[in-house]
ModelCIF file with pLDDT and N, C-alpha, C, O atoms, coordinates in Angstrom:
data_MODEL
#
_entry.id   MODEL 
#
_entity.id                         1 
_entity.type                       polymer 
_entity.pdbx_number_of_molecules   1 
#
_entity_poly.entity_id                      1 
_entity_poly.type                           'polypeptide(L)' 
_entity_poly.nstd_linkage                   no 
_entity_poly.nstd_monomer                   no 
_entity_poly.pdbx_seq_one_letter_code       
;(UNK)(UNK)(UNK)(UNK)(UNK)(UNK)(UNK)(UNK)(UNK)(UNK)(UNK)(UNK)(UNK)(UNK)(UNK)(UNK)
(UNK)(UNK)(UNK)(UNK)(UNK)(UNK)(UNK)(UNK)(UNK)(UNK)(UNK)(UNK)(UNK)(UNK)(UNK)(UNK)
(UNK)(UNK)(UNK)(UNK)(UNK)(UNK)
;
_entity_poly.pdbx_seq_one_letter_code_can   XXXXXXXXXXXXXXXXXXXXXXXXXXXXXXXXXXXXXX 
_entity_poly.pdbx_strand_id                 A 
#
loop_
_entity_poly_seq.entity_id 
_entity_poly_seq.num 
_entity_poly_seq.mon_id 
_entity_poly_seq.hetero 
1 1  UNK n 
1 2  UNK n 
1 3  UNK n 
1 4  UNK n 
1 5  UNK n 
1 6  UNK n 
1 7  UNK n 
1 8  UNK n 
1 9  UNK n 
1 10 UNK n 
1 11 UNK n 
1 12 UNK n 
1 13 UNK n 
1 14 UNK n 
1 15 UNK n 
1 16 UNK n 
1 17 UNK n 
1 18 UNK n 
1 19 UNK n 
1 20 UNK n 
1 21 UNK n 
1 22 UNK n 
1 23 UNK n 
1 24 UNK n 
1 25 UNK n 
1 26 UNK n 
1 27 UNK n 
1 28 UNK n 
1 29 UNK n 
1 30 UNK n 
1 31 UNK n 
1 32 UNK n 
1 33 UNK n 
1 34 UNK n 
1 35 UNK n 
1 36 UNK n 
1 37 UNK n 
1 38 UNK n 
#
_struct_asym.id          A 
_struct_asym.entity_id   1 
#
loop_
_ma_qa_metric.id 
_ma_qa_metric.mode 
_ma_qa_metric.name 
_ma_qa_metric.software_group_id 
_ma_qa_metric.type 
1 global pLDDT . pLDDT 
2 local  pLDDT . pLDDT 
#
_ma_qa_metric_global.metric_id      1 
_ma_qa_metric_global.metric_value   95.53 
_ma_qa_metric_global.model_id       1 
_ma_qa_metric_global.ordinal_id     1 
#
loop_
_ma_qa_metric_local.label_asym_id 
_ma_qa_metric_local.label_comp_id 
_ma_qa_metric_local.label_seq_id 
_ma_qa_metric_local.metric_id 
_ma_qa_metric_local.metric_value 
_ma_qa_metric_local.model_id 
_ma_qa_metric_local.ordinal_id 
A UNK 1  2 81.00 1 1  
A UNK 2  2 83.00 1 2  
A UNK 3  2 81.00 1 3  
A UNK 4  2 82.00 1 4  
A UNK 5  2 92.00 1 5  
A UNK 6  2 95.00 1 6  
A UNK 7  2 97.00 1 7  
A UNK 8  2 97.00 1 8  
A UNK 9  2 98.00 1 9  
A UNK 10 2 98.00 1 10 
A UNK 11 2 98.00 1 11 
A UNK 12 2 97.00 1 12 
A UNK 13 2 97.00 1 13 
A UNK 14 2 97.00 1 14 
A UNK 15 2 98.00 1 15 
A UNK 16 2 98.00 1 16 
A UNK 17 2 98.00 1 17 
A UNK 18 2 97.00 1 18 
A UNK 19 2 98.00 1 19 
A UNK 20 2 97.00 1 20 
A UNK 21 2 96.00 1 21 
A UNK 22 2 97.00 1 22 
A UNK 23 2 97.00 1 23 
A UNK 24 2 98.00 1 24 
A UNK 25 2 98.00 1 25 
A UNK 26 2 98.00 1 26 
A UNK 27 2 98.00 1 27 
A UNK 28 2 98.00 1 28 
A UNK 29 2 98.00 1 29 
A UNK 30 2 98.00 1 30 
A UNK 31 2 98.00 1 31 
A UNK 32 2 98.00 1 32 
A UNK 33 2 97.00 1 33 
A UNK 34 2 97.00 1 34 
A UNK 35 2 97.00 1 35 
A UNK 36 2 96.00 1 36 
A UNK 37 2 96.00 1 37 
A UNK 38 2 96.00 1 38 
#
loop_
_atom_site.group_PDB 
_atom_site.id 
_atom_site.type_symbol 
_atom_site.label_atom_id 
_atom_site.label_alt_id 
_atom_site.label_comp_id 
_atom_site.label_asym_id 
_atom_site.label_entity_id 
_atom_site.label_seq_id 
_atom_site.pdbx_PDB_ins_code 
_atom_site.Cartn_x 
_atom_site.Cartn_y 
_atom_site.Cartn_z 
_atom_site.occupancy 
_atom_site.B_iso_or_equiv 
_atom_site.pdbx_formal_charge 
_atom_site.auth_seq_id 
_atom_site.auth_comp_id 
_atom_site.auth_asym_id 
_atom_site.auth_atom_id 
_atom_site.pdbx_PDB_model_num 
ATOM 1   N N  . UNK A 1 1  ? -26.829 -1.191 -2.584  1.00 81.00 ? 1  UNK A N  1 
ATOM 2   C CA . UNK A 1 1  ? -27.508 -1.747 -1.422  1.00 81.00 ? 1  UNK A CA 1 
ATOM 3   C C  . UNK A 1 1  ? -28.515 -2.827 -1.756  1.00 81.00 ? 1  UNK A C  1 
ATOM 4   O O  . UNK A 1 1  ? -29.085 -3.446 -0.857  1.00 81.00 ? 1  UNK A O  1 
ATOM 5   N N  . UNK A 1 2  ? -28.742 -3.062 -3.050  1.00 83.00 ? 2  UNK A N  1 
ATOM 6   C CA . UNK A 1 2  ? -29.705 -4.076 -3.487  1.00 83.00 ? 2  UNK A CA 1 
ATOM 7   C C  . UNK A 1 2  ? -29.024 -5.147 -4.354  1.00 83.00 ? 2  UNK A C  1 
ATOM 8   O O  . UNK A 1 2  ? -29.673 -5.829 -5.147  1.00 83.00 ? 2  UNK A O  1 
ATOM 9   N N  . UNK A 1 3  ? -27.742 -5.273 -4.187  1.00 81.00 ? 3  UNK A N  1 
ATOM 10  C CA . UNK A 1 3  ? -27.006 -6.298 -4.910  1.00 81.00 ? 3  UNK A CA 1 
ATOM 11  C C  . UNK A 1 3  ? -26.438 -5.868 -6.236  1.00 81.00 ? 3  UNK A C  1 
ATOM 12  O O  . UNK A 1 3  ? -25.803 -6.662 -6.929  1.00 81.00 ? 3  UNK A O  1 
ATOM 13  N N  . UNK A 1 4  ? -26.658 -4.611 -6.601  1.00 82.00 ? 4  UNK A N  1 
ATOM 14  C CA . UNK A 1 4  ? -26.144 -4.105 -7.877  1.00 82.00 ? 4  UNK A CA 1 
ATOM 15  C C  . UNK A 1 4  ? -24.863 -3.322 -7.621  1.00 82.00 ? 4  UNK A C  1 
ATOM 16  O O  . UNK A 1 4  ? -24.807 -2.486 -6.720  1.00 82.00 ? 4  UNK A O  1 
ATOM 17  N N  . UNK A 1 5  ? -23.841 -3.597 -8.416  1.00 92.00 ? 5  UNK A N  1 
ATOM 18  C CA . UNK A 1 5  ? -22.617 -2.817 -8.356  1.00 92.00 ? 5  UNK A CA 1 
ATOM 19  C C  . UNK A 1 5  ? -22.195 -2.438 -9.765  1.00 92.00 ? 5  UNK A C  1 
ATOM 20  O O  . UNK A 1 5  ? -22.419 -3.186 -10.717 1.00 92.00 ? 5  UNK A O  1 
ATOM 21  N N  . UNK A 1 6  ? -21.582 -1.266 -9.886  1.00 95.00 ? 6  UNK A N  1 
ATOM 22  C CA . UNK A 1 6  ? -21.164 -0.798 -11.207 1.00 95.00 ? 6  UNK A CA 1 
ATOM 23  C C  . UNK A 1 6  ? -19.986 0.153  -11.069 1.00 95.00 ? 6  UNK A C  1 
ATOM 24  O O  . UNK A 1 6  ? -19.757 0.729  -10.006 1.00 95.00 ? 6  UNK A O  1 
ATOM 25  N N  . UNK A 1 7  ? -19.248 0.307  -12.149 1.00 97.00 ? 7  UNK A N  1 
ATOM 26  C CA . UNK A 1 7  ? -18.102 1.193  -12.173 1.00 97.00 ? 7  UNK A CA 1 
ATOM 27  C C  . UNK A 1 7  ? -18.572 2.632  -12.385 1.00 97.00 ? 7  UNK A C  1 
ATOM 28  O O  . UNK A 1 7  ? -19.416 2.902  -13.238 1.00 97.00 ? 7  UNK A O  1 
ATOM 29  N N  . UNK A 1 8  ? -18.021 3.533  -11.610 1.00 97.00 ? 8  UNK A N  1 
ATOM 30  C CA . UNK A 1 8  ? -18.402 4.942  -11.709 1.00 97.00 ? 8  UNK A CA 1 
ATOM 31  C C  . UNK A 1 8  ? -17.143 5.807  -11.778 1.00 97.00 ? 8  UNK A C  1 
ATOM 32  O O  . UNK A 1 8  ? -16.039 5.350  -11.479 1.00 97.00 ? 8  UNK A O  1 
ATOM 33  N N  . UNK A 1 9  ? -17.334 7.054  -12.175 1.00 98.00 ? 9  UNK A N  1 
ATOM 34  C CA . UNK A 1 9  ? -16.265 8.048  -12.142 1.00 98.00 ? 9  UNK A CA 1 
ATOM 35  C C  . UNK A 1 9  ? -16.569 9.033  -11.018 1.00 98.00 ? 9  UNK A C  1 
ATOM 36  O O  . UNK A 1 9  ? -17.649 9.622  -10.970 1.00 98.00 ? 9  UNK A O  1 
ATOM 37  N N  . UNK A 1 10 ? -15.617 9.204  -10.125 1.00 98.00 ? 10 UNK A N  1 
ATOM 38  C CA . UNK A 1 10 ? -15.790 10.096 -8.974  1.00 98.00 ? 10 UNK A CA 1 
ATOM 39  C C  . UNK A 1 10 ? -15.368 11.509 -9.362  1.00 98.00 ? 10 UNK A C  1 
ATOM 40  O O  . UNK A 1 10 ? -14.248 11.735 -9.821  1.00 98.00 ? 10 UNK A O  1 
ATOM 41  N N  . UNK A 1 11 ? -16.291 12.460 -9.167  1.00 98.00 ? 11 UNK A N  1 
ATOM 42  C CA . UNK A 1 11 ? -16.037 13.860 -9.492  1.00 98.00 ? 11 UNK A CA 1 
ATOM 43  C C  . UNK A 1 11 ? -16.212 14.766 -8.268  1.00 98.00 ? 11 UNK A C  1 
ATOM 44  O O  . UNK A 1 11 ? -16.494 15.955 -8.419  1.00 98.00 ? 11 UNK A O  1 
ATOM 45  N N  . UNK A 1 12 ? -16.049 14.224 -7.073  1.00 97.00 ? 12 UNK A N  1 
ATOM 46  C CA . UNK A 1 12 ? -16.233 15.058 -5.879  1.00 97.00 ? 12 UNK A CA 1 
ATOM 47  C C  . UNK A 1 12 ? -15.235 14.740 -4.776  1.00 97.00 ? 12 UNK A C  1 
ATOM 48  O O  . UNK A 1 12 ? -15.439 15.135 -3.628  1.00 97.00 ? 12 UNK A O  1 
ATOM 49  N N  . UNK A 1 13 ? -14.164 14.036 -5.104  1.00 97.00 ? 13 UNK A N  1 
ATOM 50  C CA . UNK A 1 13 ? -13.189 13.654 -4.081  1.00 97.00 ? 13 UNK A CA 1 
ATOM 51  C C  . UNK A 1 13 ? -12.312 14.836 -3.685  1.00 97.00 ? 13 UNK A C  1 
ATOM 52  O O  . UNK A 1 13 ? -11.941 15.664 -4.517  1.00 97.00 ? 13 UNK A O  1 
ATOM 53  N N  . UNK A 1 14 ? -11.990 14.895 -2.387  1.00 97.00 ? 14 UNK A N  1 
ATOM 54  C CA . UNK A 1 14 ? -11.017 15.871 -1.901  1.00 97.00 ? 14 UNK A CA 1 
ATOM 55  C C  . UNK A 1 14 ? -9.590  15.344 -1.994  1.00 97.00 ? 14 UNK A C  1 
ATOM 56  O O  . UNK A 1 14 ? -8.645  16.051 -1.641  1.00 97.00 ? 14 UNK A O  1 
ATOM 57  N N  . UNK A 1 15 ? -9.427  14.131 -2.457  1.00 98.00 ? 15 UNK A N  1 
ATOM 58  C CA . UNK A 1 15 ? -8.085  13.610 -2.758  1.00 98.00 ? 15 UNK A CA 1 
ATOM 59  C C  . UNK A 1 15 ? -7.691  14.212 -4.104  1.00 98.00 ? 15 UNK A C  1 
ATOM 60  O O  . UNK A 1 15 ? -7.607  13.524 -5.121  1.00 98.00 ? 15 UNK A O  1 
ATOM 61  N N  . UNK A 1 16 ? -7.453  15.525 -4.071  1.00 98.00 ? 16 UNK A N  1 
ATOM 62  C CA . UNK A 1 16 ? -7.394  16.323 -5.290  1.00 98.00 ? 16 UNK A CA 1 
ATOM 63  C C  . UNK A 1 16 ? -6.370  15.820 -6.312  1.00 98.00 ? 16 UNK A C  1 
ATOM 64  O O  . UNK A 1 16 ? -6.601  15.900 -7.518  1.00 98.00 ? 16 UNK A O  1 
ATOM 65  N N  . UNK A 1 17 ? -5.242  15.306 -5.825  1.00 98.00 ? 17 UNK A N  1 
ATOM 66  C CA . UNK A 1 17 ? -4.156  14.923 -6.725  1.00 98.00 ? 17 UNK A CA 1 
ATOM 67  C C  . UNK A 1 17 ? -3.967  13.407 -6.803  1.00 98.00 ? 17 UNK A C  1 
ATOM 68  O O  . UNK A 1 17 ? -3.007  12.924 -7.404  1.00 98.00 ? 17 UNK A O  1 
ATOM 69  N N  . UNK A 1 18 ? -4.888  12.665 -6.193  1.00 97.00 ? 18 UNK A N  1 
ATOM 70  C CA . UNK A 1 18 ? -4.779  11.210 -6.223  1.00 97.00 ? 18 UNK A CA 1 
ATOM 71  C C  . UNK A 1 18 ? -3.607  10.677 -5.420  1.00 97.00 ? 18 UNK A C  1 
ATOM 72  O O  . UNK A 1 18 ? -3.149  9.559  -5.658  1.00 97.00 ? 18 UNK A O  1 
ATOM 73  N N  . UNK A 1 19 ? -3.111  11.473 -4.457  1.00 98.00 ? 19 UNK A N  1 
ATOM 74  C CA . UNK A 1 19 ? -1.939  11.046 -3.692  1.00 98.00 ? 19 UNK A CA 1 
ATOM 75  C C  . UNK A 1 19 ? -2.256  9.885  -2.749  1.00 98.00 ? 19 UNK A C  1 
ATOM 76  O O  . UNK A 1 19 ? -1.346  9.196  -2.288  1.00 98.00 ? 19 UNK A O  1 
ATOM 77  N N  . UNK A 1 20 ? -3.532  9.664  -2.461  1.00 97.00 ? 20 UNK A N  1 
ATOM 78  C CA . UNK A 1 20 ? -3.911  8.513  -1.653  1.00 97.00 ? 20 UNK A CA 1 
ATOM 79  C C  . UNK A 1 20 ? -3.589  7.192  -2.335  1.00 97.00 ? 20 UNK A C  1 
ATOM 80  O O  . UNK A 1 20 ? -3.593  6.140  -1.696  1.00 97.00 ? 20 UNK A O  1 
ATOM 81  N N  . UNK A 1 21 ? -3.306  7.249  -3.655  1.00 96.00 ? 21 UNK A N  1 
ATOM 82  C CA . UNK A 1 21 ? -2.961  6.043  -4.408  1.00 96.00 ? 21 UNK A CA 1 
ATOM 83  C C  . UNK A 1 21 ? -1.593  6.170  -5.087  1.00 96.00 ? 21 UNK A C  1 
ATOM 84  O O  . UNK A 1 21 ? -1.233  5.353  -5.935  1.00 96.00 ? 21 UNK A O  1 
ATOM 85  N N  . UNK A 1 22 ? -0.841  7.197  -4.705  1.00 97.00 ? 22 UNK A N  1 
ATOM 86  C CA . UNK A 1 22 ? 0.494   7.386  -5.260  1.00 97.00 ? 22 UNK A CA 1 
ATOM 87  C C  . UNK A 1 22 ? 1.410   6.240  -4.832  1.00 97.00 ? 22 UNK A C  1 
ATOM 88  O O  . UNK A 1 22 ? 1.416   5.853  -3.663  1.00 97.00 ? 22 UNK A O  1 
ATOM 89  N N  . UNK A 1 23 ? 2.172   5.704  -5.763  1.00 97.00 ? 23 UNK A N  1 
ATOM 90  C CA . UNK A 1 23 ? 2.983   4.513  -5.486  1.00 97.00 ? 23 UNK A CA 1 
ATOM 91  C C  . UNK A 1 23 ? 4.025   4.753  -4.401  1.00 97.00 ? 23 UNK A C  1 
ATOM 92  O O  . UNK A 1 23 ? 4.273   3.876  -3.574  1.00 97.00 ? 23 UNK A O  1 
ATOM 93  N N  . UNK A 1 24 ? 4.635   5.934  -4.399  1.00 98.00 ? 24 UNK A N  1 
ATOM 94  C CA . UNK A 1 24 ? 5.644   6.253  -3.381  1.00 98.00 ? 24 UNK A CA 1 
ATOM 95  C C  . UNK A 1 24 ? 5.013   6.291  -1.995  1.00 98.00 ? 24 UNK A C  1 
ATOM 96  O O  . UNK A 1 24 ? 5.587   5.793  -1.027  1.00 98.00 ? 24 UNK A O  1 
ATOM 97  N N  . UNK A 1 25 ? 3.826   6.886  -1.910  1.00 98.00 ? 25 UNK A N  1 
ATOM 98  C CA . UNK A 1 25 ? 3.114   6.993  -0.635  1.00 98.00 ? 25 UNK A CA 1 
ATOM 99  C C  . UNK A 1 25 ? 2.675   5.616  -0.145  1.00 98.00 ? 25 UNK A C  1 
ATOM 100 O O  . UNK A 1 25 ? 2.872   5.273  1.020   1.00 98.00 ? 25 UNK A O  1 
ATOM 101 N N  . UNK A 1 26 ? 2.087   4.841  -1.028  1.00 98.00 ? 26 UNK A N  1 
ATOM 102 C CA . UNK A 1 26 ? 1.613   3.501  -0.664  1.00 98.00 ? 26 UNK A CA 1 
ATOM 103 C C  . UNK A 1 26 ? 2.769   2.616  -0.208  1.00 98.00 ? 26 UNK A C  1 
ATOM 104 O O  . UNK A 1 26 ? 2.638   1.873  0.765   1.00 98.00 ? 26 UNK A O  1 
ATOM 105 N N  . UNK A 1 27 ? 3.882   2.693  -0.896  1.00 98.00 ? 27 UNK A N  1 
ATOM 106 C CA . UNK A 1 27 ? 5.051   1.886  -0.532  1.00 98.00 ? 27 UNK A CA 1 
ATOM 107 C C  . UNK A 1 27 ? 5.544   2.245  0.866   1.00 98.00 ? 27 UNK A C  1 
ATOM 108 O O  . UNK A 1 27 ? 5.906   1.366  1.649   1.00 98.00 ? 27 UNK A O  1 
ATOM 109 N N  . UNK A 1 28 ? 5.556   3.527  1.171   1.00 98.00 ? 28 UNK A N  1 
ATOM 110 C CA . UNK A 1 28 ? 5.982   3.969  2.500   1.00 98.00 ? 28 UNK A CA 1 
ATOM 111 C C  . UNK A 1 28 ? 5.037   3.465  3.582   1.00 98.00 ? 28 UNK A C  1 
ATOM 112 O O  . UNK A 1 28 ? 5.477   3.022  4.643   1.00 98.00 ? 28 UNK A O  1 
ATOM 113 N N  . UNK A 1 29 ? 3.733   3.535  3.308   1.00 98.00 ? 29 UNK A N  1 
ATOM 114 C CA . UNK A 1 29 ? 2.737   3.045  4.274   1.00 98.00 ? 29 UNK A CA 1 
ATOM 115 C C  . UNK A 1 29 ? 2.913   1.547  4.503   1.00 98.00 ? 29 UNK A C  1 
ATOM 116 O O  . UNK A 1 29 ? 2.910   1.087  5.645   1.00 98.00 ? 29 UNK A O  1 
ATOM 117 N N  . UNK A 1 30 ? 3.064   0.795  3.432   1.00 98.00 ? 30 UNK A N  1 
ATOM 118 C CA . UNK A 1 30 ? 3.212   -0.663 3.552   1.00 98.00 ? 30 UNK A CA 1 
ATOM 119 C C  . UNK A 1 30 ? 4.464   -1.030 4.347   1.00 98.00 ? 30 UNK A C  1 
ATOM 120 O O  . UNK A 1 30 ? 4.413   -1.878 5.238   1.00 98.00 ? 30 UNK A O  1 
ATOM 121 N N  . UNK A 1 31 ? 5.578   -0.392 4.025   1.00 98.00 ? 31 UNK A N  1 
ATOM 122 C CA . UNK A 1 31 ? 6.833   -0.702 4.713   1.00 98.00 ? 31 UNK A CA 1 
ATOM 123 C C  . UNK A 1 31 ? 6.744   -0.385 6.204   1.00 98.00 ? 31 UNK A C  1 
ATOM 124 O O  . UNK A 1 31 ? 7.203   -1.158 7.045   1.00 98.00 ? 31 UNK A O  1 
ATOM 125 N N  . UNK A 1 32 ? 6.148   0.762  6.516   1.00 98.00 ? 32 UNK A N  1 
ATOM 126 C CA . UNK A 1 32 ? 6.036   1.161  7.924   1.00 98.00 ? 32 UNK A CA 1 
ATOM 127 C C  . UNK A 1 32 ? 5.053   0.270  8.663   1.00 98.00 ? 32 UNK A C  1 
ATOM 128 O O  . UNK A 1 32 ? 5.265   -0.057 9.831   1.00 98.00 ? 32 UNK A O  1 
ATOM 129 N N  . UNK A 1 33 ? 3.981   -0.123 7.991   1.00 97.00 ? 33 UNK A N  1 
ATOM 130 C CA . UNK A 1 33 ? 3.017   -1.039 8.591   1.00 97.00 ? 33 UNK A CA 1 
ATOM 131 C C  . UNK A 1 33 ? 3.683   -2.361 8.942   1.00 97.00 ? 33 UNK A C  1 
ATOM 132 O O  . UNK A 1 33 ? 3.425   -2.936 9.999   1.00 97.00 ? 33 UNK A O  1 
ATOM 133 N N  . UNK A 1 34 ? 4.533   -2.832 8.055   1.00 97.00 ? 34 UNK A N  1 
ATOM 134 C CA . UNK A 1 34 ? 5.235   -4.096 8.304   1.00 97.00 ? 34 UNK A CA 1 
ATOM 135 C C  . UNK A 1 34 ? 6.224   -3.992 9.459   1.00 97.00 ? 34 UNK A C  1 
ATOM 136 O O  . UNK A 1 34 ? 6.443   -4.964 10.182  1.00 97.00 ? 34 UNK A O  1 
ATOM 137 N N  . UNK A 1 35 ? 6.822   -2.815 9.633   1.00 97.00 ? 35 UNK A N  1 
ATOM 138 C CA . UNK A 1 35 ? 7.861   -2.679 10.663  1.00 97.00 ? 35 UNK A CA 1 
ATOM 139 C C  . UNK A 1 35 ? 7.333   -2.207 12.011  1.00 97.00 ? 35 UNK A C  1 
ATOM 140 O O  . UNK A 1 35 ? 7.898   -2.551 13.049  1.00 97.00 ? 35 UNK A O  1 
ATOM 141 N N  . UNK A 1 36 ? 6.247   -1.416 12.010  1.00 96.00 ? 36 UNK A N  1 
ATOM 142 C CA . UNK A 1 36 ? 5.765   -0.850 13.285  1.00 96.00 ? 36 UNK A CA 1 
ATOM 143 C C  . UNK A 1 36 ? 4.407   -1.388 13.726  1.00 96.00 ? 36 UNK A C  1 
ATOM 144 O O  . UNK A 1 36 ? 4.030   -1.228 14.887  1.00 96.00 ? 36 UNK A O  1 
ATOM 145 N N  . UNK A 1 37 ? 3.668   -2.023 12.820  1.00 96.00 ? 37 UNK A N  1 
ATOM 146 C CA . UNK A 1 37 ? 2.329   -2.494 13.157  1.00 96.00 ? 37 UNK A CA 1 
ATOM 147 C C  . UNK A 1 37 ? 1.265   -1.466 12.850  1.00 96.00 ? 37 UNK A C  1 
ATOM 148 O O  . UNK A 1 37 ? 1.539   -0.433 12.240  1.00 96.00 ? 37 UNK A O  1 
ATOM 149 N N  . UNK A 1 38 ? 0.025   -1.761 13.284  1.00 96.00 ? 38 UNK A N  1 
ATOM 150 C CA . UNK A 1 38 ? -1.122  -0.964 12.871  1.00 96.00 ? 38 UNK A CA 1 
ATOM 151 C C  . UNK A 1 38 ? -1.261  0.383  13.542  1.00 96.00 ? 38 UNK A C  1 
ATOM 152 O O  . UNK A 1 38 ? -2.201  1.123  13.254  1.00 96.00 ? 38 UNK A O  1 
#
């Protein structure tokens, strides 16, 4: 909030398995977004 940014390690996410960034999931979201809209 004061102009400083840094890389951190997150140890409290409920995205337990990192599926929010899984390539298969992301690809499906992108394809559907392109075909159906927001």
